[in-house]
Amino acid sequence: MKDRIIGLALGTLHRMGAALAGDRDGNRNGLVDLARNYAIEGVELTLGSFDLVLSFRPSGENLGWLRSLRYVSIHGPVFGNGDGHGRAAKAVLDRMERLYADCGASNIVLHPDGLPDAAWMRETPCALSLENLAPAAGFGPARLGEALAEHPRAGFCLDLSHAFSGPVPETEELLRRFGHRLRQVHVSAAEGERTHLRMKHASREMRDAFAALRGLGKPFLLEEELSDASEVEEDLAILSSLLRD
């Protein structure tokens, strides 16, 4: 367990009552306040829209905490559909690079079907990863492979919920094809096409997959939608047990 980093994506906490009270202006600094209540070693800053990136202003205390963690990643927004270019996108990319440096981040996760400008992908000093999408998105392993081939600097973020939301689990194929580029794992359960469910609902097949995953030595970040602290603690405990030899 020593080398296995367990953490939380901030999106896991955004439905909690305290988060709603402290996050009225869209600044997810309040979610960092909540994340500090848990015995975790990693955090993903879930900034899934342009506004969330531009509004995020972590306090000095929270910046210090983030920099003390073993692992920090940033989940960026989807670019494209007219948003992938222009002044708004440039401001978002500049802000992500600043946050990456200020928070001591190690990774920026992006969805492969809505990437920013290719020049930025080539030239940014930030480490990047592309995430596998659910089969319902129509962007399977083959298309992910094309995107990773087009951006050879990018690593791979394995999303277990997405991988298990189709008729056939894709985890084994994804690791076979892209495991050498794996940088982190998003952890949550799936039921049919429903994704990001609590890990207590994980299928036996998903739980069995951890026999291979636990030896990879990569950060595992819980990415669900939880409503209170007891649920967070319970699902962190489930994740810890699944990673235990």
C-alpha atoms as a PDB file:
ATOM      1  CA  MET A   1       0.000   0.000   0.000  1.00  0.00           C
ATOM      2  CA  LYS A   2       2.924   2.363   0.657  1.00  0.00           C
ATOM      3  CA  ASP A   3       3.478   3.210  -3.004  1.00  0.00           C
ATOM      4  CA  ARG A   4      -0.213   3.415  -3.927  1.00  0.00           C
ATOM      5  CA  ILE A   5      -1.507   6.944  -3.794  1.00  0.00           C
ATOM      6  CA  ILE A   6      -5.207   7.196  -2.907  1.00  0.00           C
ATOM      7  CA  GLY A   7      -7.015  10.472  -3.428  1.00  0.00           C
ATOM      8  CA  LEU A   8     -10.180  12.333  -4.367  1.00  0.00           C
ATOM      9  CA  ALA A   9     -11.358  14.224  -7.399  1.00  0.00           C
ATOM     10  CA  LEU A  10     -12.999  17.439  -6.191  1.00  0.00           C
ATOM     11  CA  GLY A  11     -16.054  16.627  -8.283  1.00  0.00           C
ATOM     12  CA  THR A  12     -16.720  13.832  -5.792  1.00  0.00           C
ATOM     13  CA  LEU A  13     -17.559  16.443  -3.165  1.00  0.00           C
ATOM     14  CA  HIS A  14     -19.500  19.034  -5.122  1.00  0.00           C
ATOM     15  CA  ARG A  15     -22.971  17.785  -4.095  1.00  0.00           C
ATOM     16  CA  MET A  16     -22.207  17.893  -0.363  1.00  0.00           C
ATOM     17  CA  GLY A  17     -24.183  20.490   1.569  1.00  0.00           C
ATOM     18  CA  ALA A  18     -21.103  22.248   2.882  1.00  0.00           C
ATOM     19  CA  ALA A  19     -19.755  22.490  -0.654  1.00  0.00           C
ATOM     20  CA  LEU A  20     -22.951  24.067  -1.955  1.00  0.00           C
ATOM     21  CA  ALA A  21     -22.872  26.624   0.848  1.00  0.00           C
ATOM     22  CA  GLY A  22     -19.241  27.548   0.331  1.00  0.00           C
ATOM     23  CA  ASP A  23     -19.087  27.476  -3.453  1.00  0.00           C
ATOM     24  CA  ARG A  24     -21.729  29.971  -4.540  1.00  0.00           C
ATOM     25  CA  ASP A  25     -19.328  32.013  -6.668  1.00  0.00           C
ATOM     26  CA  GLY A  26     -17.970  29.002  -8.571  1.00  0.00           C
ATOM     27  CA  ASN A  27     -14.626  29.091  -6.775  1.00  0.00           C
ATOM     28  CA  ARG A  28     -13.822  25.489  -5.927  1.00  0.00           C
ATOM     29  CA  ASN A  29     -11.504  26.570  -3.149  1.00  0.00           C
ATOM     30  CA  GLY A  30     -14.366  25.493  -0.858  1.00  0.00           C
ATOM     31  CA  LEU A  31     -14.065  21.951  -2.187  1.00  0.00           C
ATOM     32  CA  VAL A  32     -10.361  21.947  -1.331  1.00  0.00           C
ATOM     33  CA  ASP A  33     -11.371  22.940   2.207  1.00  0.00           C
ATOM     34  CA  LEU A  34     -13.570  19.827   2.325  1.00  0.00           C
ATOM     35  CA  ALA A  35     -10.939  17.542   0.796  1.00  0.00           C
ATOM     36  CA  ARG A  36      -8.524  18.443   3.576  1.00  0.00           C
ATOM     37  CA  ASN A  37     -10.775  16.595   6.042  1.00  0.00           C
ATOM     38  CA  TYR A  38      -9.781  13.211   4.618  1.00  0.00           C
ATOM     39  CA  ALA A  39      -6.666  11.076   4.967  1.00  0.00           C
ATOM     40  CA  ILE A  40      -5.664  11.262   1.316  1.00  0.00           C
ATOM     41  CA  GLU A  41      -2.392  11.714  -0.530  1.00  0.00           C
ATOM     42  CA  GLY A  42      -3.709  13.001  -3.845  1.00  0.00           C
ATOM     43  CA  VAL A  43      -6.301  15.368  -5.288  1.00  0.00           C
ATOM     44  CA  GLU A  44      -7.682  16.029  -8.728  1.00  0.00           C
ATOM     45  CA  LEU A  45      -8.892  19.601  -9.208  1.00  0.00           C
ATOM     46  CA  THR A  46     -12.088  19.016 -11.183  1.00  0.00           C
ATOM     47  CA  LEU A  47     -12.413  22.126 -13.338  1.00  0.00           C
ATOM     48  CA  GLY A  48     -14.748  20.890 -16.052  1.00  0.00           C
ATOM     49  CA  SER A  49     -15.787  24.214 -17.588  1.00  0.00           C
ATOM     50  CA  PHE A  50     -14.115  27.412 -18.722  1.00  0.00           C
ATOM     51  CA  ASP A  51     -15.813  29.310 -15.868  1.00  0.00           C
ATOM     52  CA  LEU A  52     -14.580  26.863 -13.222  1.00  0.00           C
ATOM     53  CA  VAL A  53     -10.992  27.206 -14.434  1.00  0.00           C
ATOM     54  CA  LEU A  54     -11.126  31.002 -14.449  1.00  0.00           C
ATOM     55  CA  SER A  55     -12.974  31.232 -11.101  1.00  0.00           C
ATOM     56  CA  PHE A  56     -10.746  28.859  -9.120  1.00  0.00           C
ATOM     57  CA  ARG A  57      -8.717  30.870  -6.612  1.00  0.00           C
ATOM     58  CA  PRO A  58      -7.203  28.579  -3.981  1.00  0.00           C
ATOM     59  CA  SER A  59      -6.304  30.231  -0.699  1.00  0.00           C
ATOM     60  CA  GLY A  60      -2.691  30.426   0.396  1.00  0.00           C
ATOM     61  CA  GLU A  61      -3.368  27.777   3.049  1.00  0.00           C
ATOM     62  CA  ASN A  62      -4.909  25.438   0.500  1.00  0.00           C
ATOM     63  CA  LEU A  63      -2.083  26.011  -1.966  1.00  0.00           C
ATOM     64  CA  GLY A  64       0.342  24.945   0.747  1.00  0.00           C
ATOM     65  CA  TRP A  65      -1.714  21.815   1.419  1.00  0.00           C
ATOM     66  CA  LEU A  66      -1.939  20.941  -2.272  1.00  0.00           C
ATOM     67  CA  ARG A  67       1.812  21.306  -2.654  1.00  0.00           C
ATOM     68  CA  SER A  68       2.332  18.978   0.331  1.00  0.00           C
ATOM     69  CA  LEU A  69       0.447  16.111  -1.337  1.00  0.00           C
ATOM     70  CA  ARG A  70       2.174  13.321  -3.201  1.00  0.00           C
ATOM     71  CA  TYR A  71       0.015  13.864  -6.280  1.00  0.00           C
ATOM     72  CA  VAL A  72      -2.130  16.648  -7.760  1.00  0.00           C
ATOM     73  CA  SER A  73      -3.828  16.602 -11.140  1.00  0.00           C
ATOM     74  CA  ILE A  74      -6.169  19.016 -12.898  1.00  0.00           C
ATOM     75  CA  HIS A  75      -9.173  17.830 -14.905  1.00  0.00           C
ATOM     76  CA  GLY A  76      -9.555  20.421 -17.620  1.00  0.00           C
ATOM     77  CA  PRO A  77     -12.698  21.389 -19.531  1.00  0.00           C
ATOM     78  CA  VAL A  78     -13.782  20.146 -22.940  1.00  0.00           C
ATOM     79  CA  PHE A  79     -12.577  22.339 -25.784  1.00  0.00           C
ATOM     80  CA  GLY A  80     -14.107  22.347 -29.242  1.00  0.00           C
ATOM     81  CA  ASN A  81     -17.545  23.117 -30.648  1.00  0.00           C
ATOM     82  CA  GLY A  82     -16.316  26.664 -31.137  1.00  0.00           C
ATOM     83  CA  ASP A  83     -14.642  26.847 -27.720  1.00  0.00           C
ATOM     84  CA  GLY A  84     -11.342  25.286 -28.728  1.00  0.00           C
ATOM     85  CA  HIS A  85      -9.900  28.447 -30.182  1.00  0.00           C
ATOM     86  CA  GLY A  86      -9.878  32.168 -29.574  1.00  0.00           C
ATOM     87  CA  ARG A  87      -9.278  34.474 -26.641  1.00  0.00           C
ATOM     88  CA  ALA A  88     -11.494  32.629 -24.161  1.00  0.00           C
ATOM     89  CA  ALA A  89      -9.658  29.352 -24.695  1.00  0.00           C
ATOM     90  CA  LYS A  90      -6.266  31.062 -24.465  1.00  0.00           C
ATOM     91  CA  ALA A  91      -7.199  32.599 -21.124  1.00  0.00           C
ATOM     92  CA  VAL A  92      -8.278  29.170 -19.842  1.00  0.00           C
ATOM     93  CA  LEU A  93      -5.080  27.481 -21.036  1.00  0.00           C
ATOM     94  CA  ASP A  94      -2.925  30.221 -19.511  1.00  0.00           C
ATOM     95  CA  ARG A  95      -4.809  29.877 -16.227  1.00  0.00           C
ATOM     96  CA  MET A  96      -4.432  26.077 -16.182  1.00  0.00           C
ATOM     97  CA  GLU A  97      -0.684  26.416 -16.685  1.00  0.00           C
ATOM     98  CA  ARG A  98      -0.512  28.897 -13.783  1.00  0.00           C
ATOM     99  CA  LEU A  99      -2.557  26.615 -11.512  1.00  0.00           C
ATOM    100  CA  TYR A 100      -0.409  23.652 -12.523  1.00  0.00           C
ATOM    101  CA  ALA A 101       2.702  25.499 -11.351  1.00  0.00           C
ATOM    102  CA  ASP A 102       1.159  27.053  -8.234  1.00  0.00           C
ATOM    103  CA  CYS A 103      -0.367  23.770  -6.989  1.00  0.00           C
ATOM    104  CA  GLY A 104       2.663  21.607  -7.788  1.00  0.00           C
ATOM    105  CA  ALA A 105       0.530  19.514 -10.137  1.00  0.00           C
ATOM    106  CA  SER A 106       1.868  16.519 -12.064  1.00  0.00           C
ATOM    107  CA  ASN A 107      -0.833  16.043 -14.696  1.00  0.00           C
ATOM    108  CA  ILE A 108      -3.647  17.708 -16.643  1.00  0.00           C
ATOM    109  CA  VAL A 109      -6.397  15.298 -17.730  1.00  0.00           C
ATOM    110  CA  LEU A 110      -8.327  16.059 -20.918  1.00  0.00           C
ATOM    111  CA  HIS A 111     -11.108  14.356 -22.839  1.00  0.00           C
ATOM    112  CA  PRO A 112      -9.795  13.239 -26.236  1.00  0.00           C
ATOM    113  CA  ASP A 113     -12.914  14.331 -28.117  1.00  0.00           C
ATOM    114  CA  GLY A 114     -12.554  17.994 -27.169  1.00  0.00           C
ATOM    115  CA  LEU A 115      -8.874  18.904 -27.090  1.00  0.00           C
ATOM    116  CA  PRO A 116      -7.447  22.423 -27.158  1.00  0.00           C
ATOM    117  CA  ASP A 117      -5.251  23.808 -29.898  1.00  0.00           C
ATOM    118  CA  ALA A 118      -2.662  21.270 -31.123  1.00  0.00           C
ATOM    119  CA  ALA A 119       0.140  23.813 -30.785  1.00  0.00           C
ATOM    120  CA  TRP A 120      -0.613  24.187 -27.081  1.00  0.00           C
ATOM    121  CA  MET A 121      -0.679  20.405 -26.708  1.00  0.00           C
ATOM    122  CA  ARG A 122       2.828  20.272 -28.182  1.00  0.00           C
ATOM    123  CA  GLU A 123       4.329  23.267 -26.392  1.00  0.00           C
ATOM    124  CA  THR A 124       2.836  23.429 -22.896  1.00  0.00           C
ATOM    125  CA  PRO A 125       5.287  22.681 -20.078  1.00  0.00           C
ATOM    126  CA  CYS A 126       2.525  20.722 -18.311  1.00  0.00           C
ATOM    127  CA  ALA A 127       2.281  16.932 -18.390  1.00  0.00           C
ATOM    128  CA  LEU A 128      -0.956  15.874 -20.102  1.00  0.00           C
ATOM    129  CA  SER A 129      -3.106  12.750 -20.125  1.00  0.00           C
ATOM    130  CA  LEU A 130      -6.036  11.697 -22.300  1.00  0.00           C
ATOM    131  CA  GLU A 131      -8.916   9.847 -20.636  1.00  0.00           C
ATOM    132  CA  ASN A 132     -10.841   6.928 -22.090  1.00  0.00           C
ATOM    133  CA  LEU A 133     -14.521   7.745 -22.603  1.00  0.00           C
ATOM    134  CA  ALA A 134     -17.605   5.603 -22.130  1.00  0.00           C
ATOM    135  CA  PRO A 135     -18.590   3.530 -25.194  1.00  0.00           C
ATOM    136  CA  ALA A 136     -21.806   5.563 -25.439  1.00  0.00           C
ATOM    137  CA  ALA A 137     -19.666   8.585 -26.355  1.00  0.00           C
ATOM    138  CA  GLY A 138     -18.622   6.871 -29.579  1.00  0.00           C
ATOM    139  CA  PHE A 139     -14.913   7.348 -28.844  1.00  0.00           C
ATOM    140  CA  GLY A 140     -13.547   3.868 -28.219  1.00  0.00           C
ATOM    141  CA  PRO A 141     -10.010   2.496 -27.765  1.00  0.00           C
ATOM    142  CA  ALA A 142      -9.231   2.765 -31.476  1.00  0.00           C
ATOM    143  CA  ARG A 143     -10.014   6.479 -31.616  1.00  0.00           C
ATOM    144  CA  LEU A 144      -8.235   7.032 -28.300  1.00  0.00           C
ATOM    145  CA  GLY A 145      -5.192   5.351 -29.849  1.00  0.00           C
ATOM    146  CA  GLU A 146      -5.337   7.768 -32.773  1.00  0.00           C
ATOM    147  CA  ALA A 147      -5.471  10.742 -30.391  1.00  0.00           C
ATOM    148  CA  LEU A 148      -2.545   9.422 -28.346  1.00  0.00           C
ATOM    149  CA  ALA A 149      -0.557   8.811 -31.538  1.00  0.00           C
ATOM    150  CA  GLU A 150      -1.238  12.395 -32.600  1.00  0.00           C
ATOM    151  CA  HIS A 151      -0.031  13.679 -29.214  1.00  0.00           C
ATOM    152  CA  PRO A 152       2.961  11.512 -28.277  1.00  0.00           C
ATOM    153  CA  ARG A 153       3.759  13.605 -25.172  1.00  0.00           C
ATOM    154  CA  ALA A 154       0.406  12.775 -23.616  1.00  0.00           C
ATOM    155  CA  GLY A 155      -0.075   9.989 -21.120  1.00  0.00           C
ATOM    156  CA  PHE A 156      -3.184   7.946 -20.398  1.00  0.00           C
ATOM    157  CA  CYS A 157      -5.792   8.320 -17.635  1.00  0.00           C
ATOM    158  CA  LEU A 158      -7.795   5.120 -17.113  1.00  0.00           C
ATOM    159  CA  ASP A 159     -11.399   5.786 -16.098  1.00  0.00           C
ATOM    160  CA  LEU A 160     -12.750   2.508 -14.696  1.00  0.00           C
ATOM    161  CA  SER A 161     -16.379   3.601 -14.739  1.00  0.00           C
ATOM    162  CA  HIS A 162     -16.172   4.446 -18.433  1.00  0.00           C
ATOM    163  CA  ALA A 163     -14.347   1.203 -19.181  1.00  0.00           C
ATOM    164  CA  PHE A 164     -17.063  -0.888 -17.494  1.00  0.00           C
ATOM    165  CA  SER A 165     -20.108   0.952 -18.884  1.00  0.00           C
ATOM    166  CA  GLY A 166     -20.322  -0.902 -22.183  1.00  0.00           C
ATOM    167  CA  PRO A 167     -21.439  -4.421 -23.069  1.00  0.00           C
ATOM    168  CA  VAL A 168     -17.844  -5.673 -22.753  1.00  0.00           C
ATOM    169  CA  PRO A 169     -15.390  -4.245 -20.174  1.00  0.00           C
ATOM    170  CA  GLU A 170     -12.534  -2.423 -21.906  1.00  0.00           C
ATOM    171  CA  THR A 171     -10.014  -2.284 -19.049  1.00  0.00           C
ATOM    172  CA  GLU A 172      -7.866  -5.179 -20.257  1.00  0.00           C
ATOM    173  CA  GLU A 173      -7.697  -3.843 -23.818  1.00  0.00           C
ATOM    174  CA  LEU A 174      -6.955  -0.296 -22.659  1.00  0.00           C
ATOM    175  CA  LEU A 175      -4.117  -1.439 -20.410  1.00  0.00           C
ATOM    176  CA  ARG A 176      -2.717  -3.726 -23.099  1.00  0.00           C
ATOM    177  CA  ARG A 177      -2.644  -0.905 -25.633  1.00  0.00           C
ATOM    178  CA  PHE A 178      -1.899   2.124 -23.461  1.00  0.00           C
ATOM    179  CA  GLY A 179      -0.679   0.792 -20.109  1.00  0.00           C
ATOM    180  CA  HIS A 180       2.869   1.957 -20.836  1.00  0.00           C
ATOM    181  CA  ARG A 181       1.510   5.520 -20.875  1.00  0.00           C
ATOM    182  CA  LEU A 182      -0.724   5.208 -17.800  1.00  0.00           C
ATOM    183  CA  ARG A 183      -0.416   8.081 -15.323  1.00  0.00           C
ATOM    184  CA  GLN A 184      -3.474   7.781 -13.082  1.00  0.00           C
ATOM    185  CA  VAL A 185      -6.761   5.924 -12.536  1.00  0.00           C
ATOM    186  CA  HIS A 186     -10.251   7.366 -11.973  1.00  0.00           C
ATOM    187  CA  VAL A 187     -12.222   5.033  -9.697  1.00  0.00           C
ATOM    188  CA  SER A 188     -16.008   4.656  -9.595  1.00  0.00           C
ATOM    189  CA  ALA A 189     -18.569   1.999 -10.491  1.00  0.00           C
ATOM    190  CA  ALA A 190     -20.867   1.610 -13.492  1.00  0.00           C
ATOM    191  CA  GLU A 191     -24.217  -0.041 -14.066  1.00  0.00           C
ATOM    192  CA  GLY A 192     -25.139  -0.326 -17.718  1.00  0.00           C
ATOM    193  CA  GLU A 193     -24.490   3.106 -19.225  1.00  0.00           C
ATOM    194  CA  ARG A 194     -24.766   4.799 -15.816  1.00  0.00           C
ATOM    195  CA  THR A 195     -21.299   5.907 -14.735  1.00  0.00           C
ATOM    196  CA  HIS A 196     -19.539   7.391 -11.689  1.00  0.00           C
ATOM    197  CA  LEU A 197     -21.611   5.385  -9.228  1.00  0.00           C
ATOM    198  CA  ARG A 198     -20.455   4.593  -5.714  1.00  0.00           C
ATOM    199  CA  MET A 199     -17.877   1.844  -5.365  1.00  0.00           C
ATOM    200  CA  LYS A 200     -20.180  -0.150  -3.106  1.00  0.00           C
ATOM    201  CA  HIS A 201     -22.097  -0.879  -6.329  1.00  0.00           C
ATOM    202  CA  ALA A 202     -18.999  -2.121  -8.191  1.00  0.00           C
ATOM    203  CA  SER A 203     -19.492  -5.431  -9.971  1.00  0.00           C
ATOM    204  CA  ARG A 204     -17.508  -8.515  -9.033  1.00  0.00           C
ATOM    205  CA  GLU A 205     -15.742  -8.205 -12.395  1.00  0.00           C
ATOM    206  CA  MET A 206     -14.641  -4.652 -11.618  1.00  0.00           C
ATOM    207  CA  ARG A 207     -13.451  -5.619  -8.144  1.00  0.00           C
ATOM    208  CA  ASP A 208     -11.491  -8.512  -9.633  1.00  0.00           C
ATOM    209  CA  ALA A 209      -9.763  -6.086 -12.022  1.00  0.00           C
ATOM    210  CA  PHE A 210      -7.910  -4.568  -9.058  1.00  0.00           C
ATOM    211  CA  ALA A 211      -5.732  -7.695  -8.858  1.00  0.00           C
ATOM    212  CA  ALA A 212      -3.912  -6.321 -11.914  1.00  0.00           C
ATOM    213  CA  LEU A 213      -4.389  -2.630 -11.165  1.00  0.00           C
ATOM    214  CA  ARG A 214      -2.925  -2.652  -7.655  1.00  0.00           C
ATOM    215  CA  GLY A 215       0.513  -3.572  -8.986  1.00  0.00           C
ATOM    216  CA  LEU A 216       0.740  -0.620 -11.364  1.00  0.00           C
ATOM    217  CA  GLY A 217       1.964   1.871  -8.771  1.00  0.00           C
ATOM    218  CA  LYS A 218      -0.198   4.728 -10.109  1.00  0.00           C
ATOM    219  CA  PRO A 219      -2.424   7.220  -8.251  1.00  0.00           C
ATOM    220  CA  PHE A 220      -6.037   6.091  -7.728  1.00  0.00           C
ATOM    221  CA  LEU A 221      -8.525   8.952  -7.456  1.00  0.00           C
ATOM    222  CA  LEU A 222     -12.125   8.445  -6.351  1.00  0.00           C
ATOM    223  CA  GLU A 223     -14.385  10.196  -8.869  1.00  0.00           C
ATOM    224  CA  GLU A 224     -18.004   9.809  -7.809  1.00  0.00           C
ATOM    225  CA  GLU A 225     -20.830  12.065  -6.636  1.00  0.00           C
ATOM    226  CA  LEU A 226     -21.197  11.698  -2.876  1.00  0.00           C
ATOM    227  CA  SER A 227     -23.616  13.472  -0.575  1.00  0.00           C
ATOM    228  CA  ASP A 228     -21.966  13.375   2.860  1.00  0.00           C
ATOM    229  CA  ALA A 229     -18.727  12.713   4.698  1.00  0.00           C
ATOM    230  CA  SER A 230     -19.699   9.202   5.752  1.00  0.00           C
ATOM    231  CA  GLU A 231     -20.080   8.171   2.091  1.00  0.00           C
ATOM    232  CA  VAL A 232     -16.649   9.627   1.289  1.00  0.00           C
ATOM    233  CA  GLU A 233     -15.041   7.725   4.160  1.00  0.00           C
ATOM    234  CA  GLU A 234     -16.845   4.498   3.221  1.00  0.00           C
ATOM    235  CA  ASP A 235     -15.804   4.614  -0.427  1.00  0.00           C
ATOM    236  CA  LEU A 236     -12.221   5.570   0.387  1.00  0.00           C
ATOM    237  CA  ALA A 237     -12.150   2.506   2.655  1.00  0.00           C
ATOM    238  CA  ILE A 238     -13.513   0.326  -0.147  1.00  0.00           C
ATOM    239  CA  LEU A 239     -10.824   1.628  -2.508  1.00  0.00           C
ATOM    240  CA  SER A 240      -8.133   1.023   0.098  1.00  0.00           C
ATOM    241  CA  SER A 241      -9.312  -2.550   0.595  1.00  0.00           C
ATOM    242  CA  LEU A 242      -9.311  -3.238  -3.138  1.00  0.00           C
ATOM    243  CA  LEU A 243      -5.711  -2.028  -3.376  1.00  0.00           C
ATOM    244  CA  ARG A 244      -4.530  -4.116  -0.431  1.00  0.00           C
ATOM    245  CA  ASP A 245      -2.420  -7.181  -1.307  1.00  0.00           C
END
